[in-house]
Amino acid sequence: MPPHKRLARLHQRRITVDGRPFATLKGVPALRWQDPYHFLLSISWGGFFGLALAVYLVANLVFAGLYLADPGGVTNARVGSFADAFFFSVQTLGTMGYGVMAPKTVYANSVAAAESFTGMLGVAQITGLIFARFSRPRAMILFSRNILFTQHDGYPVLMLRAGNTRGNQILEARASVSVSTMRITEEGALMRGFEELTLMRAKSPLFALSWTIVHRIDETSPLYGQTEWTLRQGQANFIVLLSGTDDSYSQTVYGRKIYDMDDALWGRRFVDIINTRDDGYRLLDFDRFHETEPQRLPAKTPADATLADKPGSGPDGAAPTA
């Protein structure tokens, strides 16, 4: 492979959103070493401790090799024994000091001093990173697997569901839903545009259980007159953001979800998941959180024809428009 093509491949990075392919960035470093703090905060706990263990082992291997370069420099260590040099490095890096082995030459003492300083820096860094990972507030918000085009109170609506799985309360919760579609400008350029959808209830003083987020599709809605076919042609995405103050941390937490048209269902509604038990407590059944059922609609009106009819029922393979 030519060097310039190999370099171009190395300078690409793939981005996933909600576990699905989203974009590939070209011309940027493939690894995130340019922002190590963000990298160490964003990787999984398993990856974090695995990387910390790898750095720890590499550091001890390096210092063990430095100790071996001075035969007899460590008291009670066997000459040429890599195991003795390695475990003496472990004791020095961890500032344990068992007293069996100790440096006795100027060179060995210099290496031990450098390793002790390295150990103090490492302990401070990993302590700070672990604290930052534990103290970072996260909103454990579950979003419905699908977004629904259905009917509510006699109007066609866009509907999704959010649930607070942490069991605490999110105060002054705010939700926003935006639709993103590809469009052609008057100059002929293809661009992705964003329009915010007006919600029937965009704020909730207390978000403790579940929240059904609803956008009414009327004459003022960017979705008015749209069909499943036209939305697919426009590569529509729906971006949902939810924020509020966590009452446990007193800090703002965020949740987000992106839906595409493969996640959209037409003419269905969410099943009821909240029941009241005999002891007065409400039971929120998250096992059925994503379940839907057919929407029982009244007689059709022209306003809901775009949502109730499936694509292919109208002229040219598209659903009728309002």
C-alpha atoms as a PDB file:
ATOM      1  CA  MET A   1       0.000   0.000   0.000  1.00  0.00           C
ATOM      2  CA  PRO A   2       1.424   3.443  -0.918  1.00  0.00           C
ATOM      3  CA  PRO A   3       2.507   5.514   2.116  1.00  0.00           C
ATOM      4  CA  HIS A   4      -0.005   8.312   1.444  1.00  0.00           C
ATOM      5  CA  LYS A   5      -2.923   5.851   1.345  1.00  0.00           C
ATOM      6  CA  ARG A   6      -1.702   4.084   4.486  1.00  0.00           C
ATOM      7  CA  LEU A   7      -1.485   7.467   6.268  1.00  0.00           C
ATOM      8  CA  ALA A   8      -4.987   8.410   5.105  1.00  0.00           C
ATOM      9  CA  ARG A   9      -6.355   5.161   6.493  1.00  0.00           C
ATOM     10  CA  LEU A  10      -4.651   5.780   9.818  1.00  0.00           C
ATOM     11  CA  HIS A  11      -6.165   9.271  10.003  1.00  0.00           C
ATOM     12  CA  GLN A  12      -9.765   8.105  10.018  1.00  0.00           C
ATOM     13  CA  ARG A  13     -12.015   7.636  13.008  1.00  0.00           C
ATOM     14  CA  ARG A  14     -15.394   5.955  13.181  1.00  0.00           C
ATOM     15  CA  ILE A  15     -18.132   7.432  15.362  1.00  0.00           C
ATOM     16  CA  THR A  16     -21.085   5.426  16.650  1.00  0.00           C
ATOM     17  CA  VAL A  17     -24.282   6.838  18.153  1.00  0.00           C
ATOM     18  CA  ASP A  18     -26.431   4.612  20.364  1.00  0.00           C
ATOM     19  CA  GLY A  19     -24.295   1.665  19.291  1.00  0.00           C
ATOM     20  CA  ARG A  20     -24.931   2.166  15.564  1.00  0.00           C
ATOM     21  CA  PRO A  21     -22.609   3.473  12.803  1.00  0.00           C
ATOM     22  CA  PHE A  22     -22.976   7.244  12.471  1.00  0.00           C
ATOM     23  CA  ALA A  23     -20.011   8.767  10.634  1.00  0.00           C
ATOM     24  CA  THR A  24     -16.381   8.319   9.689  1.00  0.00           C
ATOM     25  CA  LEU A  25     -14.038  11.245  10.281  1.00  0.00           C
ATOM     26  CA  LYS A  26     -11.180  11.608   7.815  1.00  0.00           C
ATOM     27  CA  GLY A  27      -8.077  13.665   8.436  1.00  0.00           C
ATOM     28  CA  VAL A  28      -8.096  13.240  12.218  1.00  0.00           C
ATOM     29  CA  PRO A  29      -6.027  10.859  14.390  1.00  0.00           C
ATOM     30  CA  ALA A  30      -7.551   7.407  14.512  1.00  0.00           C
ATOM     31  CA  LEU A  31      -6.727   7.153  18.228  1.00  0.00           C
ATOM     32  CA  ARG A  32      -7.816   9.667  20.833  1.00  0.00           C
ATOM     33  CA  TRP A  33      -4.389  10.256  22.357  1.00  0.00           C
ATOM     34  CA  GLN A  34      -4.755  13.973  21.623  1.00  0.00           C
ATOM     35  CA  ASP A  35      -7.371  14.082  24.421  1.00  0.00           C
ATOM     36  CA  PRO A  36      -6.312  11.394  26.934  1.00  0.00           C
ATOM     37  CA  TYR A  37      -8.457  12.751  29.783  1.00  0.00           C
ATOM     38  CA  HIS A  38     -11.668  12.402  27.777  1.00  0.00           C
ATOM     39  CA  PHE A  39     -10.516   9.006  26.514  1.00  0.00           C
ATOM     40  CA  LEU A  40      -9.898   7.683  30.028  1.00  0.00           C
ATOM     41  CA  LEU A  41     -13.252   8.996  31.262  1.00  0.00           C
ATOM     42  CA  SER A  42     -15.279   7.635  28.355  1.00  0.00           C
ATOM     43  CA  ILE A  43     -13.950   4.066  28.064  1.00  0.00           C
ATOM     44  CA  SER A  44     -15.586   1.238  29.985  1.00  0.00           C
ATOM     45  CA  TRP A  45     -14.515   0.282  33.496  1.00  0.00           C
ATOM     46  CA  GLY A  46     -13.017  -2.930  32.158  1.00  0.00           C
ATOM     47  CA  GLY A  47     -11.001  -1.048  29.565  1.00  0.00           C
ATOM     48  CA  PHE A  48      -9.914   1.522  32.160  1.00  0.00           C
ATOM     49  CA  PHE A  49      -8.567  -1.036  34.638  1.00  0.00           C
ATOM     50  CA  GLY A  50      -7.073  -3.116  31.847  1.00  0.00           C
ATOM     51  CA  LEU A  51      -5.168  -0.095  30.556  1.00  0.00           C
ATOM     52  CA  ALA A  52      -4.069   0.849  34.095  1.00  0.00           C
ATOM     53  CA  LEU A  53      -2.777  -2.703  34.666  1.00  0.00           C
ATOM     54  CA  ALA A  54      -0.904  -2.647  31.366  1.00  0.00           C
ATOM     55  CA  VAL A  55       0.788   0.673  32.222  1.00  0.00           C
ATOM     56  CA  TYR A  56       1.664  -0.660  35.685  1.00  0.00           C
ATOM     57  CA  LEU A  57       3.280  -3.813  34.284  1.00  0.00           C
ATOM     58  CA  VAL A  58       5.183  -1.914  31.595  1.00  0.00           C
ATOM     59  CA  ALA A  59       6.561   0.545  34.161  1.00  0.00           C
ATOM     60  CA  ASN A  60       7.785  -2.273  36.399  1.00  0.00           C
ATOM     61  CA  LEU A  61       9.336  -4.102  33.459  1.00  0.00           C
ATOM     62  CA  VAL A  62      11.227  -0.957  32.426  1.00  0.00           C
ATOM     63  CA  PHE A  63      12.549  -0.292  35.925  1.00  0.00           C
ATOM     64  CA  ALA A  64      13.433  -3.975  36.406  1.00  0.00           C
ATOM     65  CA  GLY A  65      15.572  -3.744  33.299  1.00  0.00           C
ATOM     66  CA  LEU A  66      17.279  -0.633  34.695  1.00  0.00           C
ATOM     67  CA  TYR A  67      18.069  -2.450  37.947  1.00  0.00           C
ATOM     68  CA  LEU A  68      19.521  -5.397  36.021  1.00  0.00           C
ATOM     69  CA  ALA A  69      21.907  -2.998  34.287  1.00  0.00           C
ATOM     70  CA  ASP A  70      23.766  -2.664  37.626  1.00  0.00           C
ATOM     71  CA  PRO A  71      24.670  -6.198  38.842  1.00  0.00           C
ATOM     72  CA  GLY A  72      24.837  -6.231  42.610  1.00  0.00           C
ATOM     73  CA  GLY A  73      23.219  -2.812  42.898  1.00  0.00           C
ATOM     74  CA  VAL A  74      20.334  -4.166  45.000  1.00  0.00           C
ATOM     75  CA  THR A  75      21.090  -5.783  48.348  1.00  0.00           C
ATOM     76  CA  ASN A  76      19.937  -9.419  48.732  1.00  0.00           C
ATOM     77  CA  ALA A  77      18.878  -9.580  45.082  1.00  0.00           C
ATOM     78  CA  ARG A  78      20.360 -12.423  43.081  1.00  0.00           C
ATOM     79  CA  VAL A  79      22.730 -11.202  40.393  1.00  0.00           C
ATOM     80  CA  GLY A  80      21.065 -11.432  37.003  1.00  0.00           C
ATOM     81  CA  SER A  81      17.681 -12.473  38.447  1.00  0.00           C
ATOM     82  CA  PHE A  82      14.937 -10.707  36.527  1.00  0.00           C
ATOM     83  CA  ALA A  83      12.325 -11.887  39.031  1.00  0.00           C
ATOM     84  CA  ASP A  84      14.174 -10.245  41.945  1.00  0.00           C
ATOM     85  CA  ALA A  85      14.611  -7.022  39.971  1.00  0.00           C
ATOM     86  CA  PHE A  86      10.932  -7.026  38.943  1.00  0.00           C
ATOM     87  CA  PHE A  87       9.557  -7.567  42.446  1.00  0.00           C
ATOM     88  CA  PHE A  88      11.965  -5.002  43.893  1.00  0.00           C
ATOM     89  CA  SER A  89      10.551  -2.576  41.323  1.00  0.00           C
ATOM     90  CA  VAL A  90       7.004  -3.476  42.430  1.00  0.00           C
ATOM     91  CA  GLN A  91       7.919  -2.737  46.055  1.00  0.00           C
ATOM     92  CA  THR A  92       9.590   0.553  45.162  1.00  0.00           C
ATOM     93  CA  LEU A  93       6.790   1.743  42.850  1.00  0.00           C
ATOM     94  CA  GLY A  94       4.202   0.927  45.497  1.00  0.00           C
ATOM     95  CA  THR A  95       6.342   2.412  48.321  1.00  0.00           C
ATOM     96  CA  MET A  96       5.927  -0.806  50.336  1.00  0.00           C
ATOM     97  CA  GLY A  97       9.493  -1.163  51.611  1.00  0.00           C
ATOM     98  CA  TYR A  98       9.610  -4.682  53.095  1.00  0.00           C
ATOM     99  CA  GLY A  99      13.269  -4.190  54.045  1.00  0.00           C
ATOM    100  CA  VAL A 100      14.600  -7.420  52.495  1.00  0.00           C
ATOM    101  CA  MET A 101      15.957  -5.825  49.310  1.00  0.00           C
ATOM    102  CA  ALA A 102      17.367  -2.287  49.146  1.00  0.00           C
ATOM    103  CA  PRO A 103      19.475  -0.247  46.719  1.00  0.00           C
ATOM    104  CA  LYS A 104      23.153   0.038  47.719  1.00  0.00           C
ATOM    105  CA  THR A 105      24.889   1.817  44.816  1.00  0.00           C
ATOM    106  CA  VAL A 106      24.493   5.383  43.628  1.00  0.00           C
ATOM    107  CA  TYR A 107      23.034   4.151  40.338  1.00  0.00           C
ATOM    108  CA  ALA A 108      20.476   1.867  42.032  1.00  0.00           C
ATOM    109  CA  ASN A 109      19.480   4.611  44.478  1.00  0.00           C
ATOM    110  CA  SER A 110      19.025   7.042  41.588  1.00  0.00           C
ATOM    111  CA  VAL A 111      16.769   4.586  39.738  1.00  0.00           C
ATOM    112  CA  ALA A 112      14.808   3.917  42.940  1.00  0.00           C
ATOM    113  CA  ALA A 113      14.317   7.653  43.504  1.00  0.00           C
ATOM    114  CA  ALA A 114      13.037   8.108  39.943  1.00  0.00           C
ATOM    115  CA  GLU A 115      10.705   5.140  40.338  1.00  0.00           C
ATOM    116  CA  SER A 116       9.392   6.415  43.667  1.00  0.00           C
ATOM    117  CA  PHE A 117       8.581   9.766  42.052  1.00  0.00           C
ATOM    118  CA  THR A 118       6.890   7.976  39.148  1.00  0.00           C
ATOM    119  CA  GLY A 119       4.821   5.950  41.613  1.00  0.00           C
ATOM    120  CA  MET A 120       3.601   9.070  43.441  1.00  0.00           C
ATOM    121  CA  LEU A 121       2.541  10.674  40.161  1.00  0.00           C
ATOM    122  CA  GLY A 122       0.794   7.479  39.060  1.00  0.00           C
ATOM    123  CA  VAL A 123      -1.144   7.123  42.319  1.00  0.00           C
ATOM    124  CA  ALA A 124      -2.270  10.756  42.122  1.00  0.00           C
ATOM    125  CA  GLN A 125      -3.395  10.398  38.511  1.00  0.00           C
ATOM    126  CA  ILE A 126      -5.302   7.153  38.874  1.00  0.00           C
ATOM    127  CA  THR A 127      -6.938   8.368  42.107  1.00  0.00           C
ATOM    128  CA  GLY A 128      -8.136  11.515  40.369  1.00  0.00           C
ATOM    129  CA  LEU A 129      -9.421   9.573  37.367  1.00  0.00           C
ATOM    130  CA  ILE A 130     -11.313   7.045  39.487  1.00  0.00           C
ATOM    131  CA  PHE A 131     -12.886   9.861  41.528  1.00  0.00           C
ATOM    132  CA  ALA A 132     -13.858  11.709  38.330  1.00  0.00           C
ATOM    133  CA  ARG A 133     -15.446   8.570  36.875  1.00  0.00           C
ATOM    134  CA  PHE A 134     -17.391   7.842  40.073  1.00  0.00           C
ATOM    135  CA  SER A 135     -18.478  11.434  40.726  1.00  0.00           C
ATOM    136  CA  ARG A 136     -19.631  12.175  37.186  1.00  0.00           C
ATOM    137  CA  PRO A 137     -23.445  12.316  37.324  1.00  0.00           C
ATOM    138  CA  ARG A 138     -25.291  10.289  34.739  1.00  0.00           C
ATOM    139  CA  ALA A 139     -28.961  10.273  33.928  1.00  0.00           C
ATOM    140  CA  MET A 140     -30.033   6.641  33.683  1.00  0.00           C
ATOM    141  CA  ILE A 141     -32.874   7.474  31.310  1.00  0.00           C
ATOM    142  CA  LEU A 142     -34.366   4.709  29.204  1.00  0.00           C
ATOM    143  CA  PHE A 143     -35.876   5.762  25.888  1.00  0.00           C
ATOM    144  CA  SER A 144     -38.387   3.660  23.996  1.00  0.00           C
ATOM    145  CA  ARG A 145     -36.913   1.514  21.266  1.00  0.00           C
ATOM    146  CA  ASN A 146     -39.343   2.971  18.728  1.00  0.00           C
ATOM    147  CA  ILE A 147     -40.811   6.345  17.928  1.00  0.00           C
ATOM    148  CA  LEU A 148     -44.507   6.258  17.002  1.00  0.00           C
ATOM    149  CA  PHE A 149     -46.587   8.074  14.414  1.00  0.00           C
ATOM    150  CA  THR A 150     -50.074   7.624  15.800  1.00  0.00           C
ATOM    151  CA  GLN A 151     -53.151   9.516  16.980  1.00  0.00           C
ATOM    152  CA  HIS A 152     -53.784  11.187  20.333  1.00  0.00           C
ATOM    153  CA  ASP A 153     -56.858  13.204  21.361  1.00  0.00           C
ATOM    154  CA  GLY A 154     -58.079  13.137  17.784  1.00  0.00           C
ATOM    155  CA  TYR A 155     -54.849  14.555  16.276  1.00  0.00           C
ATOM    156  CA  PRO A 156     -51.972  12.866  14.462  1.00  0.00           C
ATOM    157  CA  VAL A 157     -48.918  12.945  16.714  1.00  0.00           C
ATOM    158  CA  LEU A 158     -45.320  11.878  17.013  1.00  0.00           C
ATOM    159  CA  MET A 159     -44.823  10.012  20.295  1.00  0.00           C
ATOM    160  CA  LEU A 160     -42.007   8.422  22.282  1.00  0.00           C
ATOM    161  CA  ARG A 161     -41.530   7.312  25.867  1.00  0.00           C
ATOM    162  CA  ALA A 162     -38.803   7.990  28.454  1.00  0.00           C
ATOM    163  CA  GLY A 163     -38.332   6.295  31.812  1.00  0.00           C
ATOM    164  CA  ASN A 164     -36.185   7.103  34.858  1.00  0.00           C
ATOM    165  CA  THR A 165     -34.509   3.794  35.732  1.00  0.00           C
ATOM    166  CA  ARG A 166     -32.385   5.103  38.606  1.00  0.00           C
ATOM    167  CA  GLY A 167     -35.289   5.278  41.041  1.00  0.00           C
ATOM    168  CA  ASN A 168     -34.590   8.826  42.203  1.00  0.00           C
ATOM    169  CA  GLN A 169     -36.109  12.081  40.997  1.00  0.00           C
ATOM    170  CA  ILE A 170     -35.065  14.466  38.231  1.00  0.00           C
ATOM    171  CA  LEU A 171     -36.254  17.973  39.022  1.00  0.00           C
ATOM    172  CA  GLU A 172     -37.287  20.589  36.453  1.00  0.00           C
ATOM    173  CA  ALA A 173     -36.897  18.123  33.604  1.00  0.00           C
ATOM    174  CA  ARG A 174     -36.907  19.542  30.072  1.00  0.00           C
ATOM    175  CA  ALA A 175     -37.342  17.644  26.814  1.00  0.00           C
ATOM    176  CA  SER A 176     -36.741  18.687  23.221  1.00  0.00           C
ATOM    177  CA  VAL A 177     -37.230  16.830  19.957  1.00  0.00           C
ATOM    178  CA  SER A 178     -35.725  17.971  16.653  1.00  0.00           C
ATOM    179  CA  VAL A 179     -36.117  16.522  13.182  1.00  0.00           C
ATOM    180  CA  SER A 180     -33.123  16.446  10.876  1.00  0.00           C
ATOM    181  CA  THR A 181     -33.609  15.989   7.127  1.00  0.00           C
ATOM    182  CA  MET A 182     -31.554  16.393   3.983  1.00  0.00           C
ATOM    183  CA  ARG A 183     -32.668  19.219   1.726  1.00  0.00           C
ATOM    184  CA  ILE A 184     -31.467  20.966  -1.414  1.00  0.00           C
ATOM    185  CA  THR A 185     -30.851  24.700  -1.135  1.00  0.00           C
ATOM    186  CA  GLU A 186     -31.792  27.187  -3.832  1.00  0.00           C
ATOM    187  CA  GLU A 187     -28.178  27.065  -4.987  1.00  0.00           C
ATOM    188  CA  GLY A 188     -28.414  23.324  -5.477  1.00  0.00           C
ATOM    189  CA  ALA A 189     -26.309  22.317  -2.475  1.00  0.00           C
ATOM    190  CA  LEU A 190     -27.338  19.263  -0.434  1.00  0.00           C
ATOM    191  CA  MET A 191     -27.447  20.139   3.260  1.00  0.00           C
ATOM    192  CA  ARG A 192     -28.872  18.653   6.445  1.00  0.00           C
ATOM    193  CA  GLY A 193     -31.314  20.937   8.224  1.00  0.00           C
ATOM    194  CA  PHE A 194     -32.644  20.851  11.783  1.00  0.00           C
ATOM    195  CA  GLU A 195     -36.076  21.945  12.978  1.00  0.00           C
ATOM    196  CA  GLU A 196     -37.298  21.770  16.557  1.00  0.00           C
ATOM    197  CA  LEU A 197     -40.684  20.177  17.137  1.00  0.00           C
ATOM    198  CA  THR A 198     -43.106  21.843  19.534  1.00  0.00           C
ATOM    199  CA  LEU A 199     -44.057  19.440  22.305  1.00  0.00           C
ATOM    200  CA  MET A 200     -47.404  19.289  24.055  1.00  0.00           C
ATOM    201  CA  ARG A 201     -45.483  19.201  27.360  1.00  0.00           C
ATOM    202  CA  ALA A 202     -41.834  20.171  27.145  1.00  0.00           C
ATOM    203  CA  LYS A 203     -41.239  20.574  30.907  1.00  0.00           C
ATOM    204  CA  SER A 204     -41.995  18.412  33.906  1.00  0.00           C
ATOM    205  CA  PRO A 205     -41.460  19.659  37.471  1.00  0.00           C
ATOM    206  CA  LEU A 206     -40.784  16.108  38.660  1.00  0.00           C
ATOM    207  CA  PHE A 207     -39.599  13.219  36.466  1.00  0.00           C
ATOM    208  CA  ALA A 208     -39.640  10.133  38.674  1.00  0.00           C
ATOM    209  CA  LEU A 209     -41.306   7.333  36.689  1.00  0.00           C
ATOM    210  CA  SER A 210     -42.080   7.636  32.983  1.00  0.00           C
ATOM    211  CA  TRP A 211     -42.796  10.460  30.557  1.00  0.00           C
ATOM    212  CA  THR A 212     -44.633  10.152  27.256  1.00  0.00           C
ATOM    213  CA  ILE A 213     -43.298  12.902  24.989  1.00  0.00           C
ATOM    214  CA  VAL A 214     -45.810  13.988  22.355  1.00  0.00           C
ATOM    215  CA  HIS A 215     -45.598  16.332  19.355  1.00  0.00           C
ATOM    216  CA  ARG A 216     -48.887  17.272  17.674  1.00  0.00           C
ATOM    217  CA  ILE A 217     -48.672  17.244  13.862  1.00  0.00           C
ATOM    218  CA  ASP A 218     -50.784  20.202  12.815  1.00  0.00           C
ATOM    219  CA  GLU A 219     -50.412  22.977  10.229  1.00  0.00           C
ATOM    220  CA  THR A 220     -47.532  24.531  12.192  1.00  0.00           C
ATOM    221  CA  SER A 221     -45.525  21.293  12.430  1.00  0.00           C
ATOM    222  CA  PRO A 222     -42.543  20.591  10.120  1.00  0.00           C
ATOM    223  CA  LEU A 223     -44.011  17.082   9.782  1.00  0.00           C
ATOM    224  CA  TYR A 224     -47.384  18.282   8.473  1.00  0.00           C
ATOM    225  CA  GLY A 225     -48.148  16.648   5.122  1.00  0.00           C
ATOM    226  CA  GLN A 226     -45.175  14.292   5.416  1.00  0.00           C
ATOM    227  CA  THR A 227     -45.486  10.583   4.778  1.00  0.00           C
ATOM    228  CA  GLU A 228     -43.242   7.674   5.641  1.00  0.00           C
ATOM    229  CA  TRP A 229     -42.002   7.684   2.051  1.00  0.00           C
ATOM    230  CA  THR A 230     -41.089  11.385   2.020  1.00  0.00           C
ATOM    231  CA  LEU A 231     -39.378  11.124   5.414  1.00  0.00           C
ATOM    232  CA  ARG A 232     -37.310   8.193   4.204  1.00  0.00           C
ATOM    233  CA  GLN A 233     -36.371  10.083   1.068  1.00  0.00           C
ATOM    234  CA  GLY A 234     -35.196  12.956   3.268  1.00  0.00           C
ATOM    235  CA  GLN A 235     -33.182  10.578   5.489  1.00  0.00           C
ATOM    236  CA  ALA A 236     -35.039  11.917   8.522  1.00  0.00           C
ATOM    237  CA  ASN A 237     -33.558  11.547  11.988  1.00  0.00           C
ATOM    238  CA  PHE A 238     -35.211  12.530  15.254  1.00  0.00           C
ATOM    239  CA  ILE A 239     -32.921  13.819  18.013  1.00  0.00           C
ATOM    240  CA  VAL A 240     -34.319  13.678  21.548  1.00  0.00           C
ATOM    241  CA  LEU A 241     -32.642  15.514  24.433  1.00  0.00           C
ATOM    242  CA  LEU A 242     -33.748  15.354  28.061  1.00  0.00           C
ATOM    243  CA  SER A 243     -32.121  17.248  30.923  1.00  0.00           C
ATOM    244  CA  GLY A 244     -32.842  18.085  34.538  1.00  0.00           C
ATOM    245  CA  THR A 245     -31.387  18.377  38.024  1.00  0.00           C
ATOM    246  CA  ASP A 246     -30.596  15.116  39.777  1.00  0.00           C
ATOM    247  CA  ASP A 247     -31.903  15.425  43.336  1.00  0.00           C
ATOM    248  CA  SER A 248     -29.128  13.144  44.668  1.00  0.00           C
ATOM    249  CA  TYR A 249     -26.193  15.052  43.155  1.00  0.00           C
ATOM    250  CA  SER A 250     -27.820  18.497  42.748  1.00  0.00           C
ATOM    251  CA  GLN A 251     -26.191  18.574  39.308  1.00  0.00           C
ATOM    252  CA  THR A 252     -27.613  18.773  35.819  1.00  0.00           C
ATOM    253  CA  VAL A 253     -27.854  15.427  34.046  1.00  0.00           C
ATOM    254  CA  TYR A 254     -28.547  14.728  30.399  1.00  0.00           C
ATOM    255  CA  GLY A 255     -29.965  11.923  28.295  1.00  0.00           C
ATOM    256  CA  ARG A 256     -30.242  11.680  24.538  1.00  0.00           C
ATOM    257  CA  LYS A 257     -31.550   9.356  21.869  1.00  0.00           C
ATOM    258  CA  ILE A 258     -31.446   9.444  18.065  1.00  0.00           C
ATOM    259  CA  TYR A 259     -34.098   7.683  15.998  1.00  0.00           C
ATOM    260  CA  ASP A 260     -34.082   7.035  12.269  1.00  0.00           C
ATOM    261  CA  MET A 261     -36.957   5.917  10.089  1.00  0.00           C
ATOM    262  CA  ASP A 262     -36.178   2.245  10.734  1.00  0.00           C
ATOM    263  CA  ASP A 263     -37.175   2.946  14.352  1.00  0.00           C
ATOM    264  CA  ALA A 264     -40.547   4.460  13.404  1.00  0.00           C
ATOM    265  CA  LEU A 265     -43.833   2.587  13.792  1.00  0.00           C
ATOM    266  CA  TRP A 266     -47.107   3.770  12.285  1.00  0.00           C
ATOM    267  CA  GLY A 267     -50.592   3.393  13.733  1.00  0.00           C
ATOM    268  CA  ARG A 268     -49.500   1.897  17.074  1.00  0.00           C
ATOM    269  CA  ARG A 269     -49.542   3.030  20.697  1.00  0.00           C
ATOM    270  CA  PHE A 270     -47.499   2.190  23.802  1.00  0.00           C
ATOM    271  CA  VAL A 271     -48.960  -0.322  26.204  1.00  0.00           C
ATOM    272  CA  ASP A 272     -49.757   0.894  29.706  1.00  0.00           C
ATOM    273  CA  ILE A 273     -46.928   0.034  32.138  1.00  0.00           C
ATOM    274  CA  ILE A 274     -48.028   1.847  35.324  1.00  0.00           C
ATOM    275  CA  ASN A 275     -50.342   0.139  37.785  1.00  0.00           C
ATOM    276  CA  THR A 276     -51.245   0.869  41.411  1.00  0.00           C
ATOM    277  CA  ARG A 277     -50.649  -1.968  43.870  1.00  0.00           C
ATOM    278  CA  ASP A 278     -52.791  -2.781  46.884  1.00  0.00           C
ATOM    279  CA  ASP A 279     -50.265  -1.125  49.225  1.00  0.00           C
ATOM    280  CA  GLY A 280     -50.642   2.185  47.395  1.00  0.00           C
ATOM    281  CA  TYR A 281     -47.296   2.087  45.563  1.00  0.00           C
ATOM    282  CA  ARG A 282     -47.191   2.526  41.803  1.00  0.00           C
ATOM    283  CA  LEU A 283     -45.684  -0.353  39.852  1.00  0.00           C
ATOM    284  CA  LEU A 284     -43.700   0.621  36.760  1.00  0.00           C
ATOM    285  CA  ASP A 285     -43.187  -2.471  34.599  1.00  0.00           C
ATOM    286  CA  PHE A 286     -39.996  -1.828  32.612  1.00  0.00           C
ATOM    287  CA  ASP A 287     -40.229  -5.341  31.154  1.00  0.00           C
ATOM    288  CA  ARG A 288     -42.961  -3.981  28.884  1.00  0.00           C
ATOM    289  CA  PHE A 289     -41.458  -0.533  28.398  1.00  0.00           C
ATOM    290  CA  HIS A 290     -40.870  -0.956  24.646  1.00  0.00           C
ATOM    291  CA  GLU A 291     -44.051  -2.879  23.853  1.00  0.00           C
ATOM    292  CA  THR A 292     -46.667  -1.382  21.539  1.00  0.00           C
ATOM    293  CA  GLU A 293     -50.134  -2.387  20.393  1.00  0.00           C
ATOM    294  CA  PRO A 294     -52.329  -1.383  17.454  1.00  0.00           C
ATOM    295  CA  GLN A 295     -53.907   2.035  17.855  1.00  0.00           C
ATOM    296  CA  ARG A 296     -57.707   1.877  18.007  1.00  0.00           C
ATOM    297  CA  LEU A 297     -58.579   4.838  15.821  1.00  0.00           C
ATOM    298  CA  PRO A 298     -62.000   6.409  15.250  1.00  0.00           C
ATOM    299  CA  ALA A 299     -63.302   7.081  11.768  1.00  0.00           C
ATOM    300  CA  LYS A 300     -60.615   8.657   9.581  1.00  0.00           C
ATOM    301  CA  THR A 301     -60.518  12.363   8.962  1.00  0.00           C
ATOM    302  CA  PRO A 302     -58.461  14.173   6.332  1.00  0.00           C
ATOM    303  CA  ALA A 303     -56.107  15.393   9.085  1.00  0.00           C
ATOM    304  CA  ASP A 304     -54.848  11.931   9.992  1.00  0.00           C
ATOM    305  CA  ALA A 305     -54.700  10.384   6.538  1.00  0.00           C
ATOM    306  CA  THR A 306     -50.928  10.865   6.322  1.00  0.00           C
ATOM    307  CA  LEU A 307     -50.350   8.835   9.477  1.00  0.00           C
ATOM    308  CA  ALA A 308     -52.981   6.110   9.341  1.00  0.00           C
ATOM    309  CA  ASP A 309     -52.325   5.056   5.728  1.00  0.00           C
ATOM    310  CA  LYS A 310     -49.251   3.081   4.829  1.00  0.00           C
ATOM    311  CA  PRO A 311     -46.891   4.104   2.014  1.00  0.00           C
ATOM    312  CA  GLY A 312     -47.901   2.671  -1.314  1.00  0.00           C
ATOM    313  CA  SER A 313     -51.612   3.318  -0.873  1.00  0.00           C
ATOM    314  CA  GLY A 314     -51.548   6.641  -2.702  1.00  0.00           C
ATOM    315  CA  PRO A 315     -50.523   7.736  -6.213  1.00  0.00           C
ATOM    316  CA  ASP A 316     -46.942   7.001  -7.281  1.00  0.00           C
ATOM    317  CA  GLY A 317     -46.439   4.663  -4.337  1.00  0.00           C
ATOM    318  CA  ALA A 318     -46.761   7.362  -1.661  1.00  0.00           C
ATOM    319  CA  ALA A 319     -49.370   7.735   1.042  1.00  0.00           C
ATOM    320  CA  PRO A 320     -51.962  10.503   0.583  1.00  0.00           C
ATOM    321  CA  THR A 321     -50.985  13.862   2.044  1.00  0.00           C
ATOM    322  CA  ALA A 322     -53.078  16.237   4.073  1.00  0.00           C
END
